[in-house]
Amino acid sequence: MTTARKTTAPKPPAAAVAADAHWAATRERLRNRTRPIVRLTICDDRDAKQALAEAKFNEQRAKDNAERDPSNKVEQAVLRAATDEFAQAQTAVDEASIVLRFQALDRKTYKELLAVHPPTEDQAEDGYAFNLDTLGPVIVAASSLDGITEEDAAGYLDDWSQAEAEALLNTAFGVQREERMDLGKG
């Protein structure tokens, strides 16, 4: 019969850690990290969005032309005008937009929310680990940095189009899985 042996990673001596300024600074930075934040931008002004798309296309075309002949003053002037047009169009879209911000919950809170919203039998059979109908408004509200309430979220999810409701849910759930690490690079 074999017995399982519990092993723990050895802790470096406190004096060694204190003496290593690099590690001390790294530990401090790790302690001070903020959880990920993502934005969902909603713009209902189709004309402003279309103007922005056209301005972006015109700016790219002007850049291409200006790069082909950098000494051509006319092409350089067209590029400056196209860049200004793009900036104005972007400002118009920004002013017409609603930006919602969502921050990842701490892992413990997220897991607790999943646990109190178990899937229905049908959802479990379909492979769901939680009840999206009950958890959706909760996760939107809990991760919102803009004060969205559960009632607000439930209303949006019921009233908005399918695609827009899914975008809201995907943003609130997606920030929980946002990864800012590059493993194996260095």
N, C-alpha and C. Protein backbone atom coordinates (compact mmCIF):
# COMPACT_ATOMS: atom_id res chain seq x y z
N MET A 1 0.84 -1.17 0.00
CA MET A 1 0.00 0.00 0.00
C MET A 1 0.88 1.24 0.00
N THR A 2 0.57 2.16 -0.89
CA THR A 2 1.34 3.39 -0.94
C THR A 2 0.57 4.50 -0.28
N THR A 3 1.28 5.37 0.31
CA THR A 3 0.62 6.52 0.93
C THR A 3 0.94 7.75 0.11
N ALA A 4 -0.08 8.58 -0.04
CA ALA A 4 0.12 9.82 -0.80
C ALA A 4 0.93 10.77 0.03
N ARG A 5 1.88 11.37 -0.61
CA ARG A 5 2.74 12.31 0.08
C ARG A 5 2.40 13.71 -0.40
N LYS A 6 2.07 14.56 0.52
CA LYS A 6 1.75 15.94 0.16
C LYS A 6 3.05 16.74 0.12
N THR A 7 3.27 17.36 -1.01
CA THR A 7 4.48 18.17 -1.14
C THR A 7 4.06 19.62 -1.31
N THR A 8 4.81 20.48 -0.74
CA THR A 8 4.56 21.90 -0.90
C THR A 8 5.81 22.53 -1.46
N ALA A 9 5.60 23.56 -2.22
CA ALA A 9 6.74 24.26 -2.80
C ALA A 9 7.51 24.93 -1.67
N PRO A 10 8.81 24.81 -1.71
CA PRO A 10 9.59 25.45 -0.66
C PRO A 10 9.49 26.97 -0.76
N LYS A 11 9.43 27.60 0.40
CA LYS A 11 9.39 29.06 0.43
C LYS A 11 10.81 29.57 0.53
N PRO A 12 11.13 30.57 -0.27
CA PRO A 12 12.49 31.12 -0.15
C PRO A 12 12.62 31.85 1.18
N PRO A 13 13.79 31.88 1.71
CA PRO A 13 14.00 32.59 2.98
C PRO A 13 13.60 34.06 2.85
N ALA A 14 12.93 34.57 3.85
CA ALA A 14 12.46 35.95 3.83
C ALA A 14 13.60 36.93 3.59
N ALA A 15 14.75 36.64 4.17
CA ALA A 15 15.89 37.55 3.99
C ALA A 15 16.33 37.58 2.53
N ALA A 16 16.27 36.43 1.87
CA ALA A 16 16.66 36.39 0.46
C ALA A 16 15.67 37.17 -0.39
N VAL A 17 14.40 37.02 -0.08
CA VAL A 17 13.37 37.76 -0.83
C VAL A 17 13.55 39.26 -0.60
N ALA A 18 13.76 39.64 0.65
CA ALA A 18 13.95 41.05 0.96
C ALA A 18 15.18 41.61 0.27
N ALA A 19 16.19 40.79 0.12
CA ALA A 19 17.42 41.25 -0.51
C ALA A 19 17.29 41.35 -2.03
N ASP A 20 16.33 40.66 -2.60
CA ASP A 20 16.16 40.67 -4.05
C ASP A 20 15.17 41.77 -4.43
N ALA A 21 15.68 42.93 -4.75
CA ALA A 21 14.84 44.08 -5.05
C ALA A 21 13.93 43.82 -6.25
N HIS A 22 14.44 43.08 -7.22
CA HIS A 22 13.63 42.78 -8.40
C HIS A 22 12.40 41.97 -8.00
N TRP A 23 12.61 40.90 -7.22
CA TRP A 23 11.48 40.06 -6.82
C TRP A 23 10.52 40.83 -5.91
N ALA A 24 11.04 41.64 -5.04
CA ALA A 24 10.18 42.44 -4.16
C ALA A 24 9.31 43.39 -4.99
N ALA A 25 9.89 44.01 -6.00
CA ALA A 25 9.12 44.91 -6.87
C ALA A 25 8.10 44.12 -7.69
N THR A 26 8.50 42.94 -8.15
CA THR A 26 7.57 42.10 -8.92
C THR A 26 6.40 41.67 -8.05
N ARG A 27 6.68 41.25 -6.83
CA ARG A 27 5.61 40.84 -5.91
C ARG A 27 4.65 42.01 -5.66
N GLU A 28 5.18 43.18 -5.49
CA GLU A 28 4.33 44.36 -5.26
C GLU A 28 3.44 44.63 -6.47
N ARG A 29 4.01 44.54 -7.64
CA ARG A 29 3.21 44.74 -8.86
C ARG A 29 2.13 43.68 -9.00
N LEU A 30 2.46 42.44 -8.67
CA LEU A 30 1.46 41.37 -8.74
C LEU A 30 0.32 41.60 -7.74
N ARG A 31 0.65 42.07 -6.55
CA ARG A 31 -0.38 42.36 -5.54
C ARG A 31 -1.29 43.52 -5.98
N ASN A 32 -0.76 44.43 -6.75
CA ASN A 32 -1.50 45.64 -7.11
C ASN A 32 -2.20 45.56 -8.47
N ARG A 33 -2.20 44.39 -9.09
CA ARG A 33 -2.89 44.26 -10.38
C ARG A 33 -4.39 44.47 -10.20
N THR A 34 -4.99 45.06 -11.20
CA THR A 34 -6.45 45.20 -11.20
C THR A 34 -7.02 44.11 -12.09
N ARG A 35 -8.26 43.75 -11.81
CA ARG A 35 -8.92 42.75 -12.65
C ARG A 35 -9.23 43.36 -14.01
N PRO A 36 -9.33 42.54 -15.05
CA PRO A 36 -9.56 43.05 -16.40
C PRO A 36 -10.86 43.85 -16.51
N ILE A 37 -10.84 44.82 -17.40
CA ILE A 37 -12.01 45.63 -17.72
C ILE A 37 -12.18 45.61 -19.23
N VAL A 38 -13.42 45.41 -19.69
CA VAL A 38 -13.73 45.49 -21.12
C VAL A 38 -14.88 46.47 -21.31
N ARG A 39 -14.97 46.97 -22.52
CA ARG A 39 -16.00 47.96 -22.86
C ARG A 39 -16.93 47.40 -23.93
N LEU A 40 -18.18 47.76 -23.81
CA LEU A 40 -19.18 47.46 -24.83
C LEU A 40 -19.70 48.80 -25.31
N THR A 41 -19.51 49.09 -26.60
CA THR A 41 -19.93 50.37 -27.16
C THR A 41 -21.20 50.15 -27.97
N ILE A 42 -22.20 50.96 -27.67
CA ILE A 42 -23.49 50.88 -28.36
C ILE A 42 -23.70 52.20 -29.10
N CYS A 43 -23.88 52.13 -30.40
CA CYS A 43 -24.16 53.32 -31.19
C CYS A 43 -25.36 53.04 -32.08
N ASP A 44 -26.45 53.74 -31.82
CA ASP A 44 -27.68 53.56 -32.59
C ASP A 44 -27.76 54.47 -33.81
N ASP A 45 -26.78 55.36 -33.99
CA ASP A 45 -26.80 56.31 -35.10
C ASP A 45 -26.15 55.68 -36.33
N ARG A 46 -26.98 55.11 -37.17
CA ARG A 46 -26.48 54.41 -38.37
C ARG A 46 -25.73 55.36 -39.30
N ASP A 47 -26.22 56.59 -39.44
CA ASP A 47 -25.56 57.55 -40.32
C ASP A 47 -24.15 57.87 -39.84
N ALA A 48 -24.01 58.06 -38.53
CA ALA A 48 -22.68 58.35 -37.97
C ALA A 48 -21.74 57.17 -38.18
N LYS A 49 -22.24 55.95 -37.98
CA LYS A 49 -21.40 54.76 -38.19
C LYS A 49 -21.02 54.61 -39.66
N GLN A 50 -21.95 54.90 -40.56
CA GLN A 50 -21.66 54.81 -41.99
C GLN A 50 -20.62 55.87 -42.39
N ALA A 51 -20.79 57.08 -41.87
CA ALA A 51 -19.83 58.15 -42.16
C ALA A 51 -18.43 57.78 -41.65
N LEU A 52 -18.37 57.13 -40.50
CA LEU A 52 -17.08 56.70 -39.95
C LEU A 52 -16.45 55.63 -40.84
N ALA A 53 -17.24 54.68 -41.29
CA ALA A 53 -16.70 53.63 -42.17
C ALA A 53 -16.18 54.24 -43.47
N GLU A 54 -16.91 55.17 -44.04
CA GLU A 54 -16.46 55.81 -45.28
C GLU A 54 -15.20 56.64 -45.04
N ALA A 55 -15.17 57.36 -43.93
CA ALA A 55 -13.99 58.18 -43.62
C ALA A 55 -12.76 57.30 -43.41
N LYS A 56 -12.95 56.15 -42.76
CA LYS A 56 -11.84 55.23 -42.55
C LYS A 56 -11.31 54.71 -43.89
N PHE A 57 -12.23 54.35 -44.78
CA PHE A 57 -11.84 53.87 -46.11
C PHE A 57 -11.10 54.97 -46.87
N ASN A 58 -11.64 56.19 -46.85
CA ASN A 58 -11.01 57.31 -47.57
C ASN A 58 -9.63 57.62 -47.00
N GLU A 59 -9.49 57.55 -45.68
CA GLU A 59 -8.19 57.82 -45.08
C GLU A 59 -7.17 56.76 -45.50
N GLN A 60 -7.58 55.50 -45.50
CA GLN A 60 -6.65 54.43 -45.90
C GLN A 60 -6.23 54.59 -47.35
N ARG A 61 -7.20 54.92 -48.21
CA ARG A 61 -6.88 55.12 -49.63
C ARG A 61 -5.91 56.31 -49.78
N ALA A 62 -6.16 57.38 -49.05
CA ALA A 62 -5.28 58.55 -49.12
C ALA A 62 -3.88 58.22 -48.60
N LYS A 63 -3.79 57.41 -47.55
CA LYS A 63 -2.48 56.98 -47.04
C LYS A 63 -1.72 56.18 -48.09
N ASP A 64 -2.43 55.24 -48.71
CA ASP A 64 -1.79 54.43 -49.74
C ASP A 64 -1.25 55.30 -50.87
N ASN A 65 -2.05 56.26 -51.33
CA ASN A 65 -1.63 57.15 -52.41
C ASN A 65 -0.47 58.03 -51.98
N ALA A 66 -0.53 58.54 -50.75
CA ALA A 66 0.54 59.41 -50.26
C ALA A 66 1.85 58.64 -50.08
N GLU A 67 1.77 57.39 -49.68
CA GLU A 67 2.98 56.58 -49.50
C GLU A 67 3.62 56.22 -50.83
N ARG A 68 2.81 56.10 -51.88
CA ARG A 68 3.36 55.79 -53.20
C ARG A 68 4.20 56.95 -53.74
N ASP A 69 3.80 58.17 -53.39
CA ASP A 69 4.52 59.34 -53.89
C ASP A 69 4.62 60.38 -52.77
N PRO A 70 5.57 60.17 -51.82
CA PRO A 70 5.68 61.07 -50.66
C PRO A 70 5.98 62.53 -51.02
N SER A 71 6.51 62.77 -52.19
CA SER A 71 6.84 64.15 -52.56
C SER A 71 5.65 64.88 -53.21
N ASN A 72 4.57 64.17 -53.47
CA ASN A 72 3.39 64.77 -54.11
C ASN A 72 2.60 65.55 -53.06
N LYS A 73 2.66 66.88 -53.17
CA LYS A 73 2.02 67.75 -52.19
C LYS A 73 0.50 67.64 -52.22
N VAL A 74 -0.05 67.38 -53.38
CA VAL A 74 -1.51 67.22 -53.49
C VAL A 74 -1.96 65.99 -52.71
N GLU A 75 -1.25 64.87 -52.89
CA GLU A 75 -1.61 63.64 -52.17
C GLU A 75 -1.44 63.80 -50.67
N GLN A 76 -0.41 64.55 -50.26
CA GLN A 76 -0.21 64.80 -48.83
C GLN A 76 -1.35 65.65 -48.26
N ALA A 77 -1.82 66.63 -49.05
CA ALA A 77 -2.94 67.47 -48.61
C ALA A 77 -4.23 66.65 -48.54
N VAL A 78 -4.42 65.76 -49.51
CA VAL A 78 -5.60 64.88 -49.48
C VAL A 78 -5.55 63.99 -48.24
N LEU A 79 -4.37 63.49 -47.89
CA LEU A 79 -4.22 62.66 -46.70
C LEU A 79 -4.57 63.45 -45.45
N ARG A 80 -4.07 64.68 -45.34
CA ARG A 80 -4.39 65.50 -44.14
C ARG A 80 -5.90 65.73 -44.05
N ALA A 81 -6.54 66.01 -45.16
CA ALA A 81 -8.00 66.24 -45.17
C ALA A 81 -8.74 64.96 -44.79
N ALA A 82 -8.28 63.83 -45.31
CA ALA A 82 -8.93 62.55 -44.99
C ALA A 82 -8.75 62.19 -43.52
N THR A 83 -7.58 62.49 -42.99
CA THR A 83 -7.31 62.24 -41.57
C THR A 83 -8.22 63.10 -40.69
N ASP A 84 -8.37 64.36 -41.07
CA ASP A 84 -9.28 65.26 -40.33
C ASP A 84 -10.73 64.76 -40.41
N GLU A 85 -11.14 64.33 -41.61
CA GLU A 85 -12.50 63.82 -41.80
C GLU A 85 -12.73 62.58 -40.92
N PHE A 86 -11.74 61.71 -40.86
CA PHE A 86 -11.85 60.51 -40.03
C PHE A 86 -11.97 60.89 -38.56
N ALA A 87 -11.15 61.83 -38.10
CA ALA A 87 -11.21 62.26 -36.70
C ALA A 87 -12.57 62.85 -36.36
N GLN A 88 -13.12 63.66 -37.26
CA GLN A 88 -14.45 64.24 -37.03
C GLN A 88 -15.52 63.16 -37.00
N ALA A 89 -15.43 62.20 -37.90
CA ALA A 89 -16.41 61.12 -37.93
C ALA A 89 -16.31 60.27 -36.67
N GLN A 90 -15.09 60.02 -36.19
CA GLN A 90 -14.91 59.26 -34.95
C GLN A 90 -15.49 60.02 -33.77
N THR A 91 -15.29 61.32 -33.73
CA THR A 91 -15.86 62.14 -32.66
C THR A 91 -17.38 62.07 -32.68
N ALA A 92 -17.98 62.12 -33.86
CA ALA A 92 -19.44 62.04 -33.98
C ALA A 92 -19.95 60.69 -33.46
N VAL A 93 -19.26 59.61 -33.79
CA VAL A 93 -19.67 58.29 -33.30
C VAL A 93 -19.49 58.21 -31.79
N ASP A 94 -18.37 58.73 -31.29
CA ASP A 94 -18.13 58.72 -29.84
C ASP A 94 -19.22 59.47 -29.10
N GLU A 95 -19.63 60.62 -29.64
CA GLU A 95 -20.67 61.42 -28.99
C GLU A 95 -22.04 60.73 -29.04
N ALA A 96 -22.29 59.95 -30.08
CA ALA A 96 -23.58 59.26 -30.23
C ALA A 96 -23.61 57.92 -29.50
N SER A 97 -22.48 57.49 -28.98
CA SER A 97 -22.38 56.15 -28.40
C SER A 97 -22.60 56.13 -26.89
N ILE A 98 -23.04 54.98 -26.44
CA ILE A 98 -23.12 54.66 -25.01
C ILE A 98 -22.03 53.62 -24.77
N VAL A 99 -21.16 53.87 -23.82
CA VAL A 99 -20.09 52.93 -23.51
C VAL A 99 -20.37 52.33 -22.14
N LEU A 100 -20.47 51.01 -22.11
CA LEU A 100 -20.65 50.28 -20.85
C LEU A 100 -19.34 49.58 -20.53
N ARG A 101 -18.96 49.63 -19.26
CA ARG A 101 -17.70 49.02 -18.82
C ARG A 101 -18.00 47.87 -17.86
N PHE A 102 -17.27 46.78 -18.03
CA PHE A 102 -17.44 45.60 -17.19
C PHE A 102 -16.08 45.16 -16.68
N GLN A 103 -16.04 44.80 -15.39
CA GLN A 103 -14.80 44.33 -14.78
C GLN A 103 -14.98 42.90 -14.29
N ALA A 104 -13.94 42.10 -14.48
CA ALA A 104 -13.97 40.72 -14.02
C ALA A 104 -14.16 40.71 -12.51
N LEU A 105 -14.97 39.78 -12.05
CA LEU A 105 -15.16 39.57 -10.62
C LEU A 105 -13.98 38.78 -10.08
N ASP A 106 -13.77 38.87 -8.78
CA ASP A 106 -12.74 37.99 -8.22
C ASP A 106 -13.22 36.56 -8.37
N ARG A 107 -12.30 35.65 -8.44
CA ARG A 107 -12.60 34.26 -8.76
C ARG A 107 -13.59 33.64 -7.78
N LYS A 108 -13.43 33.93 -6.49
CA LYS A 108 -14.31 33.35 -5.48
C LYS A 108 -15.75 33.81 -5.70
N THR A 109 -15.96 35.08 -5.93
CA THR A 109 -17.31 35.61 -6.15
C THR A 109 -17.92 35.00 -7.40
N TYR A 110 -17.14 34.91 -8.47
CA TYR A 110 -17.64 34.34 -9.71
C TYR A 110 -18.08 32.89 -9.51
N LYS A 111 -17.26 32.10 -8.84
CA LYS A 111 -17.60 30.70 -8.59
C LYS A 111 -18.85 30.58 -7.71
N GLU A 112 -18.98 31.47 -6.73
CA GLU A 112 -20.17 31.45 -5.87
C GLU A 112 -21.43 31.76 -6.68
N LEU A 113 -21.34 32.72 -7.59
CA LEU A 113 -22.49 33.04 -8.44
C LEU A 113 -22.87 31.86 -9.33
N LEU A 114 -21.88 31.19 -9.89
CA LEU A 114 -22.17 30.02 -10.70
C LEU A 114 -22.86 28.94 -9.87
N ALA A 115 -22.41 28.77 -8.64
CA ALA A 115 -22.95 27.72 -7.78
C ALA A 115 -24.41 27.98 -7.39
N VAL A 116 -24.78 29.24 -7.21
CA VAL A 116 -26.16 29.52 -6.79
C VAL A 116 -27.12 29.63 -7.96
N HIS A 117 -26.62 29.41 -9.16
CA HIS A 117 -27.47 29.42 -10.36
C HIS A 117 -27.23 28.13 -11.16
N PRO A 118 -27.54 26.97 -10.55
CA PRO A 118 -27.30 25.70 -11.25
C PRO A 118 -28.22 25.57 -12.46
N PRO A 119 -27.81 24.78 -13.42
CA PRO A 119 -28.63 24.61 -14.62
C PRO A 119 -29.89 23.81 -14.32
N THR A 120 -30.90 24.04 -15.12
CA THR A 120 -32.09 23.20 -15.06
C THR A 120 -31.71 21.83 -15.61
N GLU A 121 -32.60 20.85 -15.48
CA GLU A 121 -32.31 19.52 -16.02
C GLU A 121 -32.02 19.59 -17.52
N ASP A 122 -32.88 20.33 -18.23
CA ASP A 122 -32.69 20.44 -19.68
C ASP A 122 -31.37 21.13 -20.02
N GLN A 123 -31.05 22.19 -19.27
CA GLN A 123 -29.79 22.89 -19.52
C GLN A 123 -28.59 21.98 -19.24
N ALA A 124 -28.68 21.21 -18.16
CA ALA A 124 -27.59 20.30 -17.81
C ALA A 124 -27.42 19.25 -18.90
N GLU A 125 -28.53 18.75 -19.44
CA GLU A 125 -28.45 17.78 -20.53
C GLU A 125 -27.80 18.38 -21.77
N ASP A 126 -27.99 19.70 -21.94
CA ASP A 126 -27.38 20.40 -23.09
C ASP A 126 -25.94 20.81 -22.81
N GLY A 127 -25.42 20.47 -21.63
CA GLY A 127 -24.03 20.74 -21.31
C GLY A 127 -23.76 22.04 -20.58
N TYR A 128 -24.80 22.73 -20.15
CA TYR A 128 -24.60 23.98 -19.43
C TYR A 128 -24.19 23.71 -17.99
N ALA A 129 -23.29 24.53 -17.46
CA ALA A 129 -22.83 24.40 -16.08
C ALA A 129 -23.59 25.33 -15.14
N PHE A 130 -24.43 26.20 -15.71
CA PHE A 130 -25.19 27.14 -14.90
C PHE A 130 -26.47 27.50 -15.65
N ASN A 131 -27.37 28.19 -14.95
CA ASN A 131 -28.64 28.61 -15.54
C ASN A 131 -28.46 30.01 -16.11
N LEU A 132 -28.31 30.10 -17.40
CA LEU A 132 -28.07 31.38 -18.06
C LEU A 132 -29.23 32.35 -17.83
N ASP A 133 -30.45 31.83 -17.76
CA ASP A 133 -31.62 32.71 -17.58
C ASP A 133 -31.59 33.45 -16.25
N THR A 134 -31.16 32.77 -15.20
CA THR A 134 -31.12 33.42 -13.89
C THR A 134 -29.79 34.11 -13.63
N LEU A 135 -28.71 33.54 -14.14
CA LEU A 135 -27.38 34.12 -13.89
C LEU A 135 -27.09 35.32 -14.79
N GLY A 136 -27.65 35.34 -16.00
CA GLY A 136 -27.35 36.42 -16.94
C GLY A 136 -27.49 37.82 -16.36
N PRO A 137 -28.67 38.19 -15.86
CA PRO A 137 -28.82 39.54 -15.30
C PRO A 137 -27.92 39.79 -14.08
N VAL A 138 -27.69 38.73 -13.31
CA VAL A 138 -26.86 38.86 -12.11
C VAL A 138 -25.42 39.17 -12.49
N ILE A 139 -24.88 38.45 -13.47
CA ILE A 139 -23.48 38.64 -13.86
C ILE A 139 -23.29 39.98 -14.56
N VAL A 140 -24.29 40.41 -15.34
CA VAL A 140 -24.22 41.73 -15.98
C VAL A 140 -24.15 42.81 -14.89
N ALA A 141 -25.04 42.73 -13.92
CA ALA A 141 -25.08 43.73 -12.85
C ALA A 141 -23.82 43.67 -11.98
N ALA A 142 -23.40 42.47 -11.61
CA ALA A 142 -22.24 42.32 -10.72
C ALA A 142 -20.95 42.82 -11.34
N SER A 143 -20.81 42.67 -12.65
CA SER A 143 -19.56 43.07 -13.29
C SER A 143 -19.61 44.49 -13.88
N SER A 144 -20.79 45.11 -13.85
CA SER A 144 -20.92 46.46 -14.41
C SER A 144 -20.20 47.49 -13.55
N LEU A 145 -19.44 48.34 -14.19
CA LEU A 145 -18.80 49.47 -13.50
C LEU A 145 -19.65 50.73 -13.62
N ASP A 146 -20.79 50.61 -14.30
CA ASP A 146 -21.63 51.77 -14.56
C ASP A 146 -22.95 51.74 -13.78
N GLY A 147 -23.08 50.80 -12.85
CA GLY A 147 -24.25 50.78 -12.00
C GLY A 147 -25.47 50.11 -12.60
N ILE A 148 -25.28 49.24 -13.57
CA ILE A 148 -26.42 48.50 -14.10
C ILE A 148 -26.95 47.60 -12.99
N THR A 149 -28.25 47.67 -12.74
CA THR A 149 -28.87 46.82 -11.73
C THR A 149 -29.32 45.51 -12.36
N GLU A 150 -29.64 44.54 -11.52
CA GLU A 150 -30.16 43.27 -12.04
C GLU A 150 -31.46 43.51 -12.80
N GLU A 151 -32.28 44.43 -12.30
CA GLU A 151 -33.54 44.74 -12.97
C GLU A 151 -33.29 45.37 -14.34
N ASP A 152 -32.33 46.32 -14.39
CA ASP A 152 -31.96 46.91 -15.68
C ASP A 152 -31.51 45.82 -16.65
N ALA A 153 -30.60 44.98 -16.17
CA ALA A 153 -30.03 43.93 -17.02
C ALA A 153 -31.12 42.99 -17.53
N ALA A 154 -32.02 42.58 -16.65
CA ALA A 154 -33.11 41.69 -17.06
C ALA A 154 -33.96 42.36 -18.14
N GLY A 155 -34.22 43.64 -17.97
CA GLY A 155 -34.99 44.38 -18.98
C GLY A 155 -34.28 44.45 -20.31
N TYR A 156 -32.99 44.74 -20.29
CA TYR A 156 -32.22 44.81 -21.54
C TYR A 156 -32.22 43.45 -22.23
N LEU A 157 -32.00 42.40 -21.45
CA LEU A 157 -31.92 41.06 -22.03
C LEU A 157 -33.27 40.63 -22.60
N ASP A 158 -34.36 41.11 -22.02
CA ASP A 158 -35.70 40.78 -22.54
C ASP A 158 -36.09 41.65 -23.73
N ASP A 159 -35.70 42.93 -23.70
CA ASP A 159 -36.20 43.90 -24.68
C ASP A 159 -35.31 44.08 -25.91
N TRP A 160 -34.01 43.89 -25.75
CA TRP A 160 -33.11 44.11 -26.87
C TRP A 160 -33.23 42.96 -27.87
N SER A 161 -32.72 43.19 -29.06
CA SER A 161 -32.70 42.12 -30.06
C SER A 161 -31.84 40.97 -29.55
N GLN A 162 -32.03 39.81 -30.16
CA GLN A 162 -31.26 38.63 -29.77
C GLN A 162 -29.76 38.90 -29.85
N ALA A 163 -29.31 39.49 -30.95
CA ALA A 163 -27.88 39.76 -31.13
C ALA A 163 -27.34 40.73 -30.09
N GLU A 164 -28.11 41.77 -29.79
CA GLU A 164 -27.64 42.75 -28.81
C GLU A 164 -27.65 42.18 -27.40
N ALA A 165 -28.66 41.39 -27.06
CA ALA A 165 -28.70 40.75 -25.74
C ALA A 165 -27.51 39.79 -25.60
N GLU A 166 -27.22 39.05 -26.66
CA GLU A 166 -26.07 38.15 -26.62
C GLU A 166 -24.77 38.91 -26.49
N ALA A 167 -24.66 40.07 -27.14
CA ALA A 167 -23.44 40.88 -27.02
C ALA A 167 -23.26 41.35 -25.58
N LEU A 168 -24.36 41.75 -24.93
CA LEU A 168 -24.29 42.18 -23.52
C LEU A 168 -23.84 41.01 -22.65
N LEU A 169 -24.46 39.86 -22.81
CA LEU A 169 -24.08 38.68 -22.02
C LEU A 169 -22.64 38.26 -22.31
N ASN A 170 -22.28 38.24 -23.59
CA ASN A 170 -20.92 37.83 -23.95
C ASN A 170 -19.88 38.76 -23.35
N THR A 171 -20.20 40.04 -23.26
CA THR A 171 -19.25 40.98 -22.67
C THR A 171 -19.11 40.73 -21.18
N ALA A 172 -20.25 40.56 -20.48
CA ALA A 172 -20.21 40.34 -19.03
C ALA A 172 -19.54 39.00 -18.68
N PHE A 173 -19.82 37.97 -19.46
CA PHE A 173 -19.16 36.68 -19.22
C PHE A 173 -17.74 36.68 -19.74
N GLY A 174 -17.52 37.34 -20.88
CA GLY A 174 -16.20 37.34 -21.49
C GLY A 174 -15.13 37.98 -20.63
N VAL A 175 -15.48 39.04 -19.92
CA VAL A 175 -14.48 39.69 -19.07
C VAL A 175 -14.03 38.76 -17.95
N GLN A 176 -14.88 37.81 -17.59
CA GLN A 176 -14.50 36.84 -16.55
C GLN A 176 -13.40 35.91 -17.06
N ARG A 177 -13.30 35.78 -18.36
CA ARG A 177 -12.30 34.89 -18.97
C ARG A 177 -11.18 35.67 -19.67
N GLU A 178 -11.17 36.97 -19.49
CA GLU A 178 -10.15 37.81 -20.13
C GLU A 178 -8.77 37.43 -19.60
N GLU A 179 -7.86 37.17 -20.50
CA GLU A 179 -6.52 36.77 -20.10
C GLU A 179 -5.52 37.80 -20.59
N ARG A 180 -4.66 38.21 -19.68
CA ARG A 180 -3.65 39.21 -20.02
C ARG A 180 -2.25 38.66 -19.84
N MET A 181 -2.11 37.38 -20.02
CA MET A 181 -0.81 36.73 -19.82
C MET A 181 -0.35 36.08 -21.11
N ASP A 182 0.95 36.00 -21.28
CA ASP A 182 1.55 35.31 -22.41
C ASP A 182 2.43 34.21 -21.84
N LEU A 183 1.93 33.00 -21.87
CA LEU A 183 2.67 31.88 -21.32
C LEU A 183 3.74 31.40 -22.30
N GLY A 184 4.91 31.15 -21.78
CA GLY A 184 5.97 30.58 -22.60
C GLY A 184 6.73 31.59 -23.42
N LYS A 185 6.39 32.85 -23.32
CA LYS A 185 7.14 33.86 -24.07
C LYS A 185 8.17 34.48 -23.12
N GLY A 186 9.22 34.93 -23.67
CA GLY A 186 10.16 35.57 -22.78
C GLY A 186 11.43 35.73 -23.37
